[in-house]
Full PDB file with SEQRES, HELIX, SHEET, SSBOND, CRYST1, ORIGX, SCALE, CONECT and MASTER records, all heavy atoms in Angstrom:
SEQRES   1 A   37  ARG GLY HIS GLN LYS VAL SER LYS THR CYS ILE SER ILE          
SEQRES   2 A   37  THR SER VAL ILE TRP LEU SER ALA LEU VAL CYS VAL ILE          
SEQRES   3 A   37  VAL ALA TRP PRO LYS HIS SER TRP LEU TRP LEU                  
HELIX    1 AA1 LYS A    8  LYS A   31  1                                  24    
CRYST1    1.000    1.000    1.000  90.00  90.00  90.00 P 1           1          
ORIGX1      1.000000  0.000000  0.000000        0.00000                         
ORIGX2      0.000000  1.000000  0.000000        0.00000                         
ORIGX3      0.000000  0.000000  1.000000        0.00000                         
SCALE1      1.000000  0.000000  0.000000        0.00000                         
SCALE2      0.000000  1.000000  0.000000        0.00000                         
SCALE3      0.000000  0.000000  1.000000        0.00000                         
ATOM      1  N   ARG A   1     -18.747   1.745  -9.665  1.00  0.00           N  
ATOM      2  CA  ARG A   1     -18.543   2.833  -8.836  1.00  0.00           C  
ATOM      3  C   ARG A   1     -17.927   3.978  -9.633  1.00  0.00           C  
ATOM      4  O   ARG A   1     -17.491   4.924  -8.943  1.00  0.00           O  
ATOM      5  CB  ARG A   1     -17.621   2.435  -7.623  1.00  0.00           C  
ATOM      6  CG  ARG A   1     -16.367   1.964  -7.899  1.00  0.00           C  
ATOM      7  CD  ARG A   1     -15.581   1.473  -6.643  1.00  0.00           C  
ATOM      8  NE  ARG A   1     -14.391   0.701  -6.934  1.00  0.00           N  
ATOM      9  CZ  ARG A   1     -14.403  -0.579  -7.229  1.00  0.00           C  
ATOM     10  NH1 ARG A   1     -15.453  -1.284  -7.142  1.00  0.00           N  
ATOM     11  NH2 ARG A   1     -13.354  -1.164  -7.554  1.00  0.00           N  
ATOM     12  N   GLY A   2     -17.870   3.857 -10.887  1.00  0.00           N  
ATOM     13  CA  GLY A   2     -17.263   4.920 -11.708  1.00  0.00           C  
ATOM     14  C   GLY A   2     -15.786   5.111 -11.419  1.00  0.00           C  
ATOM     15  O   GLY A   2     -15.186   4.163 -11.159  1.00  0.00           O  
ATOM     16  N   HIS A   3     -15.479   6.329 -11.229  1.00  0.00           N  
ATOM     17  CA  HIS A   3     -13.991   6.634 -10.953  1.00  0.00           C  
ATOM     18  C   HIS A   3     -13.883   7.116  -9.455  1.00  0.00           C  
ATOM     19  O   HIS A   3     -12.964   7.732  -9.065  1.00  0.00           O  
ATOM     20  CB  HIS A   3     -13.494   7.718 -11.799  1.00  0.00           C  
ATOM     21  CG  HIS A   3     -13.430   7.379 -13.325  1.00  0.00           C  
ATOM     22  ND1 HIS A   3     -12.554   6.304 -13.716  1.00  0.00           N  
ATOM     23  CD2 HIS A   3     -14.225   7.541 -14.354  1.00  0.00           C  
ATOM     24  CE1 HIS A   3     -12.806   6.172 -15.005  1.00  0.00           C  
ATOM     25  NE2 HIS A   3     -13.791   6.910 -15.309  1.00  0.00           N  
ATOM     26  N   GLN A   4     -15.002   6.862  -8.647  1.00  0.00           N  
ATOM     27  CA  GLN A   4     -14.901   7.341  -7.326  1.00  0.00           C  
ATOM     28  C   GLN A   4     -13.901   6.395  -6.468  1.00  0.00           C  
ATOM     29  O   GLN A   4     -13.793   5.217  -6.643  1.00  0.00           O  
ATOM     30  CB  GLN A   4     -16.292   7.072  -6.708  1.00  0.00           C  
ATOM     31  CG  GLN A   4     -17.414   8.107  -7.200  1.00  0.00           C  
ATOM     32  CD  GLN A   4     -18.660   7.871  -6.753  1.00  0.00           C  
ATOM     33  OE1 GLN A   4     -19.607   7.439  -7.417  1.00  0.00           O  
ATOM     34  NE2 GLN A   4     -18.915   8.091  -5.316  1.00  0.00           N  
ATOM     35  N   LYS A   5     -13.393   7.072  -5.424  1.00  0.00           N  
ATOM     36  CA  LYS A   5     -12.538   6.316  -4.487  1.00  0.00           C  
ATOM     37  C   LYS A   5     -12.561   7.114  -3.181  1.00  0.00           C  
ATOM     38  O   LYS A   5     -13.150   8.211  -3.059  1.00  0.00           O  
ATOM     39  CB  LYS A   5     -11.192   6.156  -5.041  1.00  0.00           C  
ATOM     40  CG  LYS A   5     -10.546   7.523  -5.255  1.00  0.00           C  
ATOM     41  CD  LYS A   5      -9.197   7.245  -5.988  1.00  0.00           C  
ATOM     42  CE  LYS A   5      -8.486   8.532  -6.301  1.00  0.00           C  
ATOM     43  NZ  LYS A   5      -7.245   8.323  -6.988  1.00  0.00           N  
ATOM     44  N   VAL A   6     -12.122   6.472  -2.215  1.00  0.00           N  
ATOM     45  CA  VAL A   6     -11.970   7.104  -0.741  1.00  0.00           C  
ATOM     46  C   VAL A   6     -10.911   8.176  -0.781  1.00  0.00           C  
ATOM     47  O   VAL A   6      -9.788   7.875  -1.441  1.00  0.00           O  
ATOM     48  CB  VAL A   6     -11.601   5.968   0.272  1.00  0.00           C  
ATOM     49  CG1 VAL A   6     -11.528   6.706   1.613  1.00  0.00           C  
ATOM     50  CG2 VAL A   6     -12.770   4.988   0.283  1.00  0.00           C  
ATOM     51  N   SER A   7     -11.037   9.323  -0.324  1.00  0.00           N  
ATOM     52  CA  SER A   7     -10.140  10.399  -0.340  1.00  0.00           C  
ATOM     53  C   SER A   7      -8.949  10.076   0.502  1.00  0.00           C  
ATOM     54  O   SER A   7      -9.097   9.394   1.501  1.00  0.00           O  
ATOM     55  CB  SER A   7     -10.774  11.704  -0.057  1.00  0.00           C  
ATOM     56  OG  SER A   7     -10.995  11.772   1.293  1.00  0.00           O  
ATOM     57  N   LYS A   8      -7.764  10.825   0.166  1.00  0.00           N  
ATOM     58  CA  LYS A   8      -6.710  10.640   1.071  1.00  0.00           C  
ATOM     59  C   LYS A   8      -6.948  11.211   2.414  1.00  0.00           C  
ATOM     60  O   LYS A   8      -6.335  10.829   3.441  1.00  0.00           O  
ATOM     61  CB  LYS A   8      -5.374  11.295   0.416  1.00  0.00           C  
ATOM     62  CG  LYS A   8      -5.002  10.514  -0.779  1.00  0.00           C  
ATOM     63  CD  LYS A   8      -3.853  11.267  -1.454  1.00  0.00           C  
ATOM     64  CE  LYS A   8      -3.374  10.509  -2.765  1.00  0.00           C  
ATOM     65  NZ  LYS A   8      -2.352  11.171  -3.580  1.00  0.00           N  
ATOM     66  N   THR A   9      -7.685  12.285   2.433  1.00  0.00           N  
ATOM     67  CA  THR A   9      -8.000  13.034   3.728  1.00  0.00           C  
ATOM     68  C   THR A   9      -8.836  12.060   4.620  1.00  0.00           C  
ATOM     69  O   THR A   9      -8.395  11.895   5.812  1.00  0.00           O  
ATOM     70  CB  THR A   9      -8.930  14.188   3.449  1.00  0.00           C  
ATOM     71  OG1 THR A   9      -8.197  15.077   2.742  1.00  0.00           O  
ATOM     72  CG2 THR A   9      -9.290  14.831   4.796  1.00  0.00           C  
ATOM     73  N   CYS A  10      -9.756  11.332   4.071  1.00  0.00           N  
ATOM     74  CA  CYS A  10     -10.550  10.287   4.833  1.00  0.00           C  
ATOM     75  C   CYS A  10      -9.570   9.195   5.260  1.00  0.00           C  
ATOM     76  O   CYS A  10      -9.736   8.833   6.441  1.00  0.00           O  
ATOM     77  CB  CYS A  10     -11.699   9.742   3.926  1.00  0.00           C  
ATOM     78  SG  CYS A  10     -12.643   8.496   4.846  1.00  0.00           S  
ATOM     79  N   ILE A  11      -8.721   8.732   4.456  1.00  0.00           N  
ATOM     80  CA  ILE A  11      -7.849   7.660   4.831  1.00  0.00           C  
ATOM     81  C   ILE A  11      -6.940   8.045   5.913  1.00  0.00           C  
ATOM     82  O   ILE A  11      -6.694   7.375   6.920  1.00  0.00           O  
ATOM     83  CB  ILE A  11      -7.145   7.077   3.603  1.00  0.00           C  
ATOM     84  CG1 ILE A  11      -7.929   6.420   2.592  1.00  0.00           C  
ATOM     85  CG2 ILE A  11      -5.829   6.184   3.949  1.00  0.00           C  
ATOM     86  CD1 ILE A  11      -7.398   6.120   1.242  1.00  0.00           C  
ATOM     87  N   SER A  12      -6.444   9.306   5.782  1.00  0.00           N  
ATOM     88  CA  SER A  12      -5.569   9.811   6.933  1.00  0.00           C  
ATOM     89  C   SER A  12      -6.336  10.018   8.176  1.00  0.00           C  
ATOM     90  O   SER A  12      -5.784   9.556   9.284  1.00  0.00           O  
ATOM     91  CB  SER A  12      -5.080  11.212   6.551  1.00  0.00           C  
ATOM     92  OG  SER A  12      -4.406  11.048   5.296  1.00  0.00           O  
ATOM     93  N   ILE A  13      -7.501  10.556   8.200  1.00  0.00           N  
ATOM     94  CA  ILE A  13      -8.356  10.738   9.386  1.00  0.00           C  
ATOM     95  C   ILE A  13      -8.655   9.363  10.053  1.00  0.00           C  
ATOM     96  O   ILE A  13      -8.399   9.162  11.305  1.00  0.00           O  
ATOM     97  CB  ILE A  13      -9.676  11.399   9.149  1.00  0.00           C  
ATOM     98  CG1 ILE A  13      -9.388  12.884   8.836  1.00  0.00           C  
ATOM     99  CG2 ILE A  13     -10.676  11.280  10.363  1.00  0.00           C  
ATOM    100  CD1 ILE A  13     -10.609  13.654   8.253  1.00  0.00           C  
ATOM    101  N   THR A  14      -9.066   8.428   9.244  1.00  0.00           N  
ATOM    102  CA  THR A  14      -9.401   7.027   9.803  1.00  0.00           C  
ATOM    103  C   THR A  14      -8.135   6.340  10.287  1.00  0.00           C  
ATOM    104  O   THR A  14      -8.195   5.782  11.395  1.00  0.00           O  
ATOM    105  CB  THR A  14     -10.064   6.294   8.676  1.00  0.00           C  
ATOM    106  OG1 THR A  14     -11.175   6.981   8.212  1.00  0.00           O  
ATOM    107  CG2 THR A  14     -10.567   4.928   9.236  1.00  0.00           C  
ATOM    108  N   SER A  15      -7.067   6.510   9.740  1.00  0.00           N  
ATOM    109  CA  SER A  15      -5.738   5.853  10.104  1.00  0.00           C  
ATOM    110  C   SER A  15      -5.389   6.340  11.423  1.00  0.00           C  
ATOM    111  O   SER A  15      -4.942   5.698  12.376  1.00  0.00           O  
ATOM    112  CB  SER A  15      -4.717   6.040   9.106  1.00  0.00           C  
ATOM    113  OG  SER A  15      -5.014   5.386   7.877  1.00  0.00           O  
ATOM    114  N   VAL A  16      -5.462   7.824  11.563  1.00  0.00           N  
ATOM    115  CA  VAL A  16      -5.092   8.399  12.771  1.00  0.00           C  
ATOM    116  C   VAL A  16      -6.012   7.978  13.866  1.00  0.00           C  
ATOM    117  O   VAL A  16      -5.457   7.657  15.077  1.00  0.00           O  
ATOM    118  CB  VAL A  16      -5.093   9.936  12.658  1.00  0.00           C  
ATOM    119  CG1 VAL A  16      -4.941  10.655  13.999  1.00  0.00           C  
ATOM    120  CG2 VAL A  16      -3.847  10.488  11.855  1.00  0.00           C  
ATOM    121  N   ILE A  17      -7.242   7.830  13.719  1.00  0.00           N  
ATOM    122  CA  ILE A  17      -8.214   7.545  14.809  1.00  0.00           C  
ATOM    123  C   ILE A  17      -7.935   6.101  15.200  1.00  0.00           C  
ATOM    124  O   ILE A  17      -7.820   5.733  16.358  1.00  0.00           O  
ATOM    125  CB  ILE A  17      -9.649   7.582  14.201  1.00  0.00           C  
ATOM    126  CG1 ILE A  17     -10.010   9.119  14.002  1.00  0.00           C  
ATOM    127  CG2 ILE A  17     -10.702   6.816  15.061  1.00  0.00           C  
ATOM    128  CD1 ILE A  17     -10.249   9.876  15.223  1.00  0.00           C  
ATOM    129  N   TRP A  18      -7.732   5.143  14.187  1.00  0.00           N  
ATOM    130  CA  TRP A  18      -7.534   3.770  14.653  1.00  0.00           C  
ATOM    131  C   TRP A  18      -6.108   3.551  15.197  1.00  0.00           C  
ATOM    132  O   TRP A  18      -6.025   2.759  16.218  1.00  0.00           O  
ATOM    133  CB  TRP A  18      -7.820   2.879  13.333  1.00  0.00           C  
ATOM    134  CG  TRP A  18      -9.278   2.693  13.287  1.00  0.00           C  
ATOM    135  CD1 TRP A  18      -9.996   3.055  12.236  1.00  0.00           C  
ATOM    136  CD2 TRP A  18     -10.268   2.098  14.136  1.00  0.00           C  
ATOM    137  NE1 TRP A  18     -11.334   2.799  12.370  1.00  0.00           N  
ATOM    138  CE2 TRP A  18     -11.476   2.255  13.614  1.00  0.00           C  
ATOM    139  CE3 TRP A  18     -10.249   1.391  15.391  1.00  0.00           C  
ATOM    140  CZ2 TRP A  18     -12.678   1.677  14.199  1.00  0.00           C  
ATOM    141  CZ3 TRP A  18     -11.299   0.986  16.026  1.00  0.00           C  
ATOM    142  CH2 TRP A  18     -12.521   1.025  15.340  1.00  0.00           C  
ATOM    143  N   LEU A  19      -5.120   4.172  14.877  1.00  0.00           N  
ATOM    144  CA  LEU A  19      -3.977   4.196  15.462  1.00  0.00           C  
ATOM    145  C   LEU A  19      -3.946   4.690  16.916  1.00  0.00           C  
ATOM    146  O   LEU A  19      -3.361   4.029  17.787  1.00  0.00           O  
ATOM    147  CB  LEU A  19      -2.749   5.009  14.614  1.00  0.00           C  
ATOM    148  CG  LEU A  19      -1.449   4.934  15.138  1.00  0.00           C  
ATOM    149  CD1 LEU A  19      -0.796   3.530  15.191  1.00  0.00           C  
ATOM    150  CD2 LEU A  19      -0.497   5.836  14.237  1.00  0.00           C  
ATOM    151  N   SER A  20      -4.680   5.808  17.085  1.00  0.00           N  
ATOM    152  CA  SER A  20      -4.834   6.319  18.358  1.00  0.00           C  
ATOM    153  C   SER A  20      -5.566   5.430  19.252  1.00  0.00           C  
ATOM    154  O   SER A  20      -5.264   5.160  20.523  1.00  0.00           O  
ATOM    155  CB  SER A  20      -5.709   7.637  18.273  1.00  0.00           C  
ATOM    156  OG  SER A  20      -5.012   8.618  17.570  1.00  0.00           O  
ATOM    157  N   ALA A  21      -6.594   4.757  18.751  1.00  0.00           N  
ATOM    158  CA  ALA A  21      -7.351   3.727  19.469  1.00  0.00           C  
ATOM    159  C   ALA A  21      -6.424   2.547  19.978  1.00  0.00           C  
ATOM    160  O   ALA A  21      -6.524   2.010  21.022  1.00  0.00           O  
ATOM    161  CB  ALA A  21      -8.458   3.088  18.590  1.00  0.00           C  
ATOM    162  N   LEU A  22      -5.559   2.093  18.984  1.00  0.00           N  
ATOM    163  CA  LEU A  22      -4.631   1.051  19.323  1.00  0.00           C  
ATOM    164  C   LEU A  22      -3.678   1.393  20.440  1.00  0.00           C  
ATOM    165  O   LEU A  22      -3.462   0.656  21.488  1.00  0.00           O  
ATOM    166  CB  LEU A  22      -3.795   0.598  18.006  1.00  0.00           C  
ATOM    167  CG  LEU A  22      -2.753  -0.411  18.317  1.00  0.00           C  
ATOM    168  CD1 LEU A  22      -3.458  -1.775  18.769  1.00  0.00           C  
ATOM    169  CD2 LEU A  22      -1.966  -0.550  16.954  1.00  0.00           C  
ATOM    170  N   VAL A  23      -3.259   2.602  20.405  1.00  0.00           N  
ATOM    171  CA  VAL A  23      -2.356   3.180  21.541  1.00  0.00           C  
ATOM    172  C   VAL A  23      -3.121   3.155  22.806  1.00  0.00           C  
ATOM    173  O   VAL A  23      -2.539   2.729  23.922  1.00  0.00           O  
ATOM    174  CB  VAL A  23      -1.921   4.625  21.086  1.00  0.00           C  
ATOM    175  CG1 VAL A  23      -1.263   5.285  22.356  1.00  0.00           C  
ATOM    176  CG2 VAL A  23      -0.863   4.578  19.967  1.00  0.00           C  
ATOM    177  N   CYS A  24      -4.353   3.561  22.686  1.00  0.00           N  
ATOM    178  CA  CYS A  24      -5.248   3.600  23.977  1.00  0.00           C  
ATOM    179  C   CYS A  24      -5.330   2.178  24.417  1.00  0.00           C  
ATOM    180  O   CYS A  24      -5.344   1.938  25.714  1.00  0.00           O  
ATOM    181  CB  CYS A  24      -6.537   4.280  23.731  1.00  0.00           C  
ATOM    182  SG  CYS A  24      -6.370   6.035  23.413  1.00  0.00           S  
ATOM    183  N   VAL A  25      -5.539   1.203  23.646  1.00  0.00           N  
ATOM    184  CA  VAL A  25      -5.730  -0.249  24.104  1.00  0.00           C  
ATOM    185  C   VAL A  25      -4.391  -0.745  24.779  1.00  0.00           C  
ATOM    186  O   VAL A  25      -4.415  -1.272  25.785  1.00  0.00           O  
ATOM    187  CB  VAL A  25      -6.042  -1.167  22.854  1.00  0.00           C  
ATOM    188  CG1 VAL A  25      -5.824  -2.644  23.253  1.00  0.00           C  
ATOM    189  CG2 VAL A  25      -7.381  -0.877  22.288  1.00  0.00           C  
ATOM    190  N   ILE A  26      -3.326  -0.369  24.141  1.00  0.00           N  
ATOM    191  CA  ILE A  26      -1.912  -0.772  24.766  1.00  0.00           C  
ATOM    192  C   ILE A  26      -1.761  -0.081  26.003  1.00  0.00           C  
ATOM    193  O   ILE A  26      -1.229  -0.648  26.996  1.00  0.00           O  
ATOM    194  CB  ILE A  26      -0.768  -0.324  23.738  1.00  0.00           C  
ATOM    195  CG1 ILE A  26      -0.929  -1.275  22.565  1.00  0.00           C  
ATOM    196  CG2 ILE A  26       0.616  -0.375  24.427  1.00  0.00           C  
ATOM    197  CD1 ILE A  26      -0.067  -0.729  21.345  1.00  0.00           C  
ATOM    198  N   VAL A  27      -2.211   1.109  26.195  1.00  0.00           N  
ATOM    199  CA  VAL A  27      -2.133   1.898  27.581  1.00  0.00           C  
ATOM    200  C   VAL A  27      -3.101   1.263  28.613  1.00  0.00           C  
ATOM    201  O   VAL A  27      -2.632   1.103  29.749  1.00  0.00           O  
ATOM    202  CB  VAL A  27      -2.263   3.405  27.365  1.00  0.00           C  
ATOM    203  CG1 VAL A  27      -2.549   4.078  28.705  1.00  0.00           C  
ATOM    204  CG2 VAL A  27      -1.282   4.090  26.486  1.00  0.00           C  
ATOM    205  N   ALA A  28      -4.210   0.889  28.173  1.00  0.00           N  
ATOM    206  CA  ALA A  28      -5.236   0.396  29.053  1.00  0.00           C  
ATOM    207  C   ALA A  28      -4.966  -0.889  29.581  1.00  0.00           C  
ATOM    208  O   ALA A  28      -5.363  -1.458  30.629  1.00  0.00           O  
ATOM    209  CB  ALA A  28      -6.636   0.531  28.544  1.00  0.00           C  
ATOM    210  N   TRP A  29      -4.353  -1.816  28.705  1.00  0.00           N  
ATOM    211  CA  TRP A  29      -4.191  -3.266  28.909  1.00  0.00           C  
ATOM    212  C   TRP A  29      -3.544  -3.526  30.203  1.00  0.00           C  
ATOM    213  O   TRP A  29      -4.088  -4.290  31.094  1.00  0.00           O  
ATOM    214  CB  TRP A  29      -3.540  -3.822  27.762  1.00  0.00           C  
ATOM    215  CG  TRP A  29      -3.702  -5.364  27.696  1.00  0.00           C  
ATOM    216  CD1 TRP A  29      -3.053  -6.307  28.303  1.00  0.00           C  
ATOM    217  CD2 TRP A  29      -4.640  -6.045  26.882  1.00  0.00           C  
ATOM    218  NE1 TRP A  29      -3.499  -7.551  28.139  1.00  0.00           N  
ATOM    219  CE2 TRP A  29      -4.554  -7.459  27.196  1.00  0.00           C  
ATOM    220  CE3 TRP A  29      -5.754  -5.674  25.964  1.00  0.00           C  
ATOM    221  CZ2 TRP A  29      -5.328  -8.383  26.620  1.00  0.00           C  
ATOM    222  CZ3 TRP A  29      -6.460  -6.592  25.505  1.00  0.00           C  
ATOM    223  CH2 TRP A  29      -6.320  -7.987  25.764  1.00  0.00           C  
ATOM    224  N   PRO A  30      -2.411  -3.198  30.437  1.00  0.00           N  
ATOM    225  CA  PRO A  30      -1.804  -3.451  31.713  1.00  0.00           C  
ATOM    226  C   PRO A  30      -2.370  -3.063  33.031  1.00  0.00           C  
ATOM    227  O   PRO A  30      -2.281  -3.655  34.134  1.00  0.00           O  
ATOM    228  CB  PRO A  30      -0.252  -2.799  31.563  1.00  0.00           C  
ATOM    229  CG  PRO A  30      -0.269  -2.072  30.337  1.00  0.00           C  
ATOM    230  CD  PRO A  30      -1.531  -2.157  29.718  1.00  0.00           C  
ATOM    231  N   LYS A  31      -3.102  -1.934  32.947  1.00  0.00           N  
ATOM    232  CA  LYS A  31      -3.680  -1.375  34.128  1.00  0.00           C  
ATOM    233  C   LYS A  31      -5.243  -1.876  34.187  1.00  0.00           C  
ATOM    234  O   LYS A  31      -5.937  -1.481  35.261  1.00  0.00           O  
ATOM    235  CB  LYS A  31      -3.650   0.123  34.118  1.00  0.00           C  
ATOM    236  CG  LYS A  31      -2.286   0.628  34.215  1.00  0.00           C  
ATOM    237  CD  LYS A  31      -2.300   2.204  34.224  1.00  0.00           C  
ATOM    238  CE  LYS A  31      -0.869   2.676  34.244  1.00  0.00           C  
ATOM    239  NZ  LYS A  31      -0.822   4.146  34.241  1.00  0.00           N  
ATOM    240  N   HIS A  32      -5.620  -2.627  33.166  1.00  0.00           N  
ATOM    241  CA  HIS A  32      -7.096  -3.044  33.165  1.00  0.00           C  
ATOM    242  C   HIS A  32      -8.000  -1.868  33.348  1.00  0.00           C  
ATOM    243  O   HIS A  32      -9.095  -1.924  33.925  1.00  0.00           O  
ATOM    244  CB  HIS A  32      -7.443  -4.093  34.220  1.00  0.00           C  
ATOM    245  CG  HIS A  32      -6.370  -5.301  34.211  1.00  0.00           C  
ATOM    246  ND1 HIS A  32      -6.667  -6.261  33.233  1.00  0.00           N  
ATOM    247  CD2 HIS A  32      -5.340  -5.561  34.923  1.00  0.00           C  
ATOM    248  CE1 HIS A  32      -5.762  -7.184  33.378  1.00  0.00           C  
ATOM    249  NE2 HIS A  32      -4.965  -6.824  34.371  1.00  0.00           N  
ATOM    250  N   SER A  33      -7.762  -0.783  32.519  1.00  0.00           N  
ATOM    251  CA  SER A  33      -8.541   0.498  32.595  1.00  0.00           C  
ATOM    252  C   SER A  33      -9.539   0.372  31.587  1.00  0.00           C  
ATOM    253  O   SER A  33      -9.574   1.137  30.580  1.00  0.00           O  
ATOM    254  CB  SER A  33      -7.620   1.581  32.439  1.00  0.00           C  
ATOM    255  OG  SER A  33      -6.545   1.725  33.368  1.00  0.00           O  
ATOM    256  N   TRP A  34     -10.388  -0.534  31.669  1.00  0.00           N  
ATOM    257  CA  TRP A  34     -11.465  -0.916  30.720  1.00  0.00           C  
ATOM    258  C   TRP A  34     -12.366   0.243  30.569  1.00  0.00           C  
ATOM    259  O   TRP A  34     -12.969   0.547  29.556  1.00  0.00           O  
ATOM    260  CB  TRP A  34     -12.168  -2.225  30.905  1.00  0.00           C  
ATOM    261  CG  TRP A  34     -11.116  -3.252  31.127  1.00  0.00           C  
ATOM    262  CD1 TRP A  34     -11.071  -4.242  32.135  1.00  0.00           C  
ATOM    263  CD2 TRP A  34     -10.031  -3.708  30.157  1.00  0.00           C  
ATOM    264  NE1 TRP A  34      -9.958  -4.924  32.050  1.00  0.00           N  
ATOM    265  CE2 TRP A  34      -9.241  -4.616  30.853  1.00  0.00           C  
ATOM    266  CE3 TRP A  34      -9.497  -3.172  29.051  1.00  0.00           C  
ATOM    267  CZ2 TRP A  34      -8.139  -5.342  30.323  1.00  0.00           C  
ATOM    268  CZ3 TRP A  34      -8.409  -3.735  28.544  1.00  0.00           C  
ATOM    269  CH2 TRP A  34      -7.603  -4.789  29.202  1.00  0.00           C  
ATOM    270  N   LEU A  35     -12.869   0.829  31.717  1.00  0.00           N  
ATOM    271  CA  LEU A  35     -13.809   1.824  31.604  1.00  0.00           C  
ATOM    272  C   LEU A  35     -13.274   3.121  30.873  1.00  0.00           C  
ATOM    273  O   LEU A  35     -14.054   3.724  30.037  1.00  0.00           O  
ATOM    274  CB  LEU A  35     -14.330   2.239  33.068  1.00  0.00           C  
ATOM    275  CG  LEU A  35     -15.397   3.382  33.193  1.00  0.00           C  
ATOM    276  CD1 LEU A  35     -16.618   3.069  32.212  1.00  0.00           C  
ATOM    277  CD2 LEU A  35     -15.660   3.750  34.535  1.00  0.00           C  
ATOM    278  N   TRP A  36     -12.119   3.488  31.125  1.00  0.00           N  
ATOM    279  CA  TRP A  36     -11.476   4.506  30.492  1.00  0.00           C  
ATOM    280  C   TRP A  36     -11.264   4.145  29.021  1.00  0.00           C  
ATOM    281  O   TRP A  36     -11.651   5.076  28.213  1.00  0.00           O  
ATOM    282  CB  TRP A  36     -10.088   4.652  31.082  1.00  0.00           C  
ATOM    283  CG  TRP A  36      -9.251   5.732  30.244  1.00  0.00           C  
ATOM    284  CD1 TRP A  36      -9.345   6.945  30.228  1.00  0.00           C  
ATOM    285  CD2 TRP A  36      -8.255   5.425  29.243  1.00  0.00           C  
ATOM    286  NE1 TRP A  36      -8.526   7.664  29.241  1.00  0.00           N  
ATOM    287  CE2 TRP A  36      -7.837   6.679  28.679  1.00  0.00           C  
ATOM    288  CE3 TRP A  36      -7.631   4.211  28.640  1.00  0.00           C  
ATOM    289  CZ2 TRP A  36      -6.857   6.637  27.729  1.00  0.00           C  
ATOM    290  CZ3 TRP A  36      -6.774   4.264  27.803  1.00  0.00           C  
ATOM    291  CH2 TRP A  36      -6.386   5.535  27.289  1.00  0.00           C  
ATOM    292  N   LEU A  37     -10.994   2.945  28.598  1.00  0.00           N  
ATOM    293  CA  LEU A  37     -10.847   2.571  27.215  1.00  0.00           C  
ATOM    294  C   LEU A  37     -12.223   2.689  26.462  1.00  0.00           C  
ATOM    295  O   LEU A  37     -12.335   3.124  25.346  1.00  0.00           O  
ATOM    296  CB  LEU A  37     -10.270   1.213  27.175  1.00  0.00           C  
ATOM    297  CG  LEU A  37     -10.038   0.682  25.666  1.00  0.00           C  
ATOM    298  CD1 LEU A  37      -8.965   1.582  24.954  1.00  0.00           C  
ATOM    299  CD2 LEU A  37      -9.471  -0.718  25.702  1.00  0.00           C  
TER     300      LEU A  37                                                      
MASTER        0    0    0    1    0    0    0    6  299    1    0    3          
END                                                                             
């Protein structure tokens, strides 16, 4: 792969997205809001 790597911007975007998704799972779970999720 030479000296290529994933950028910090990409890591940040992806981390924010998956952290947000996790928060949504936590919010949806007790109310069984699966369609919203």
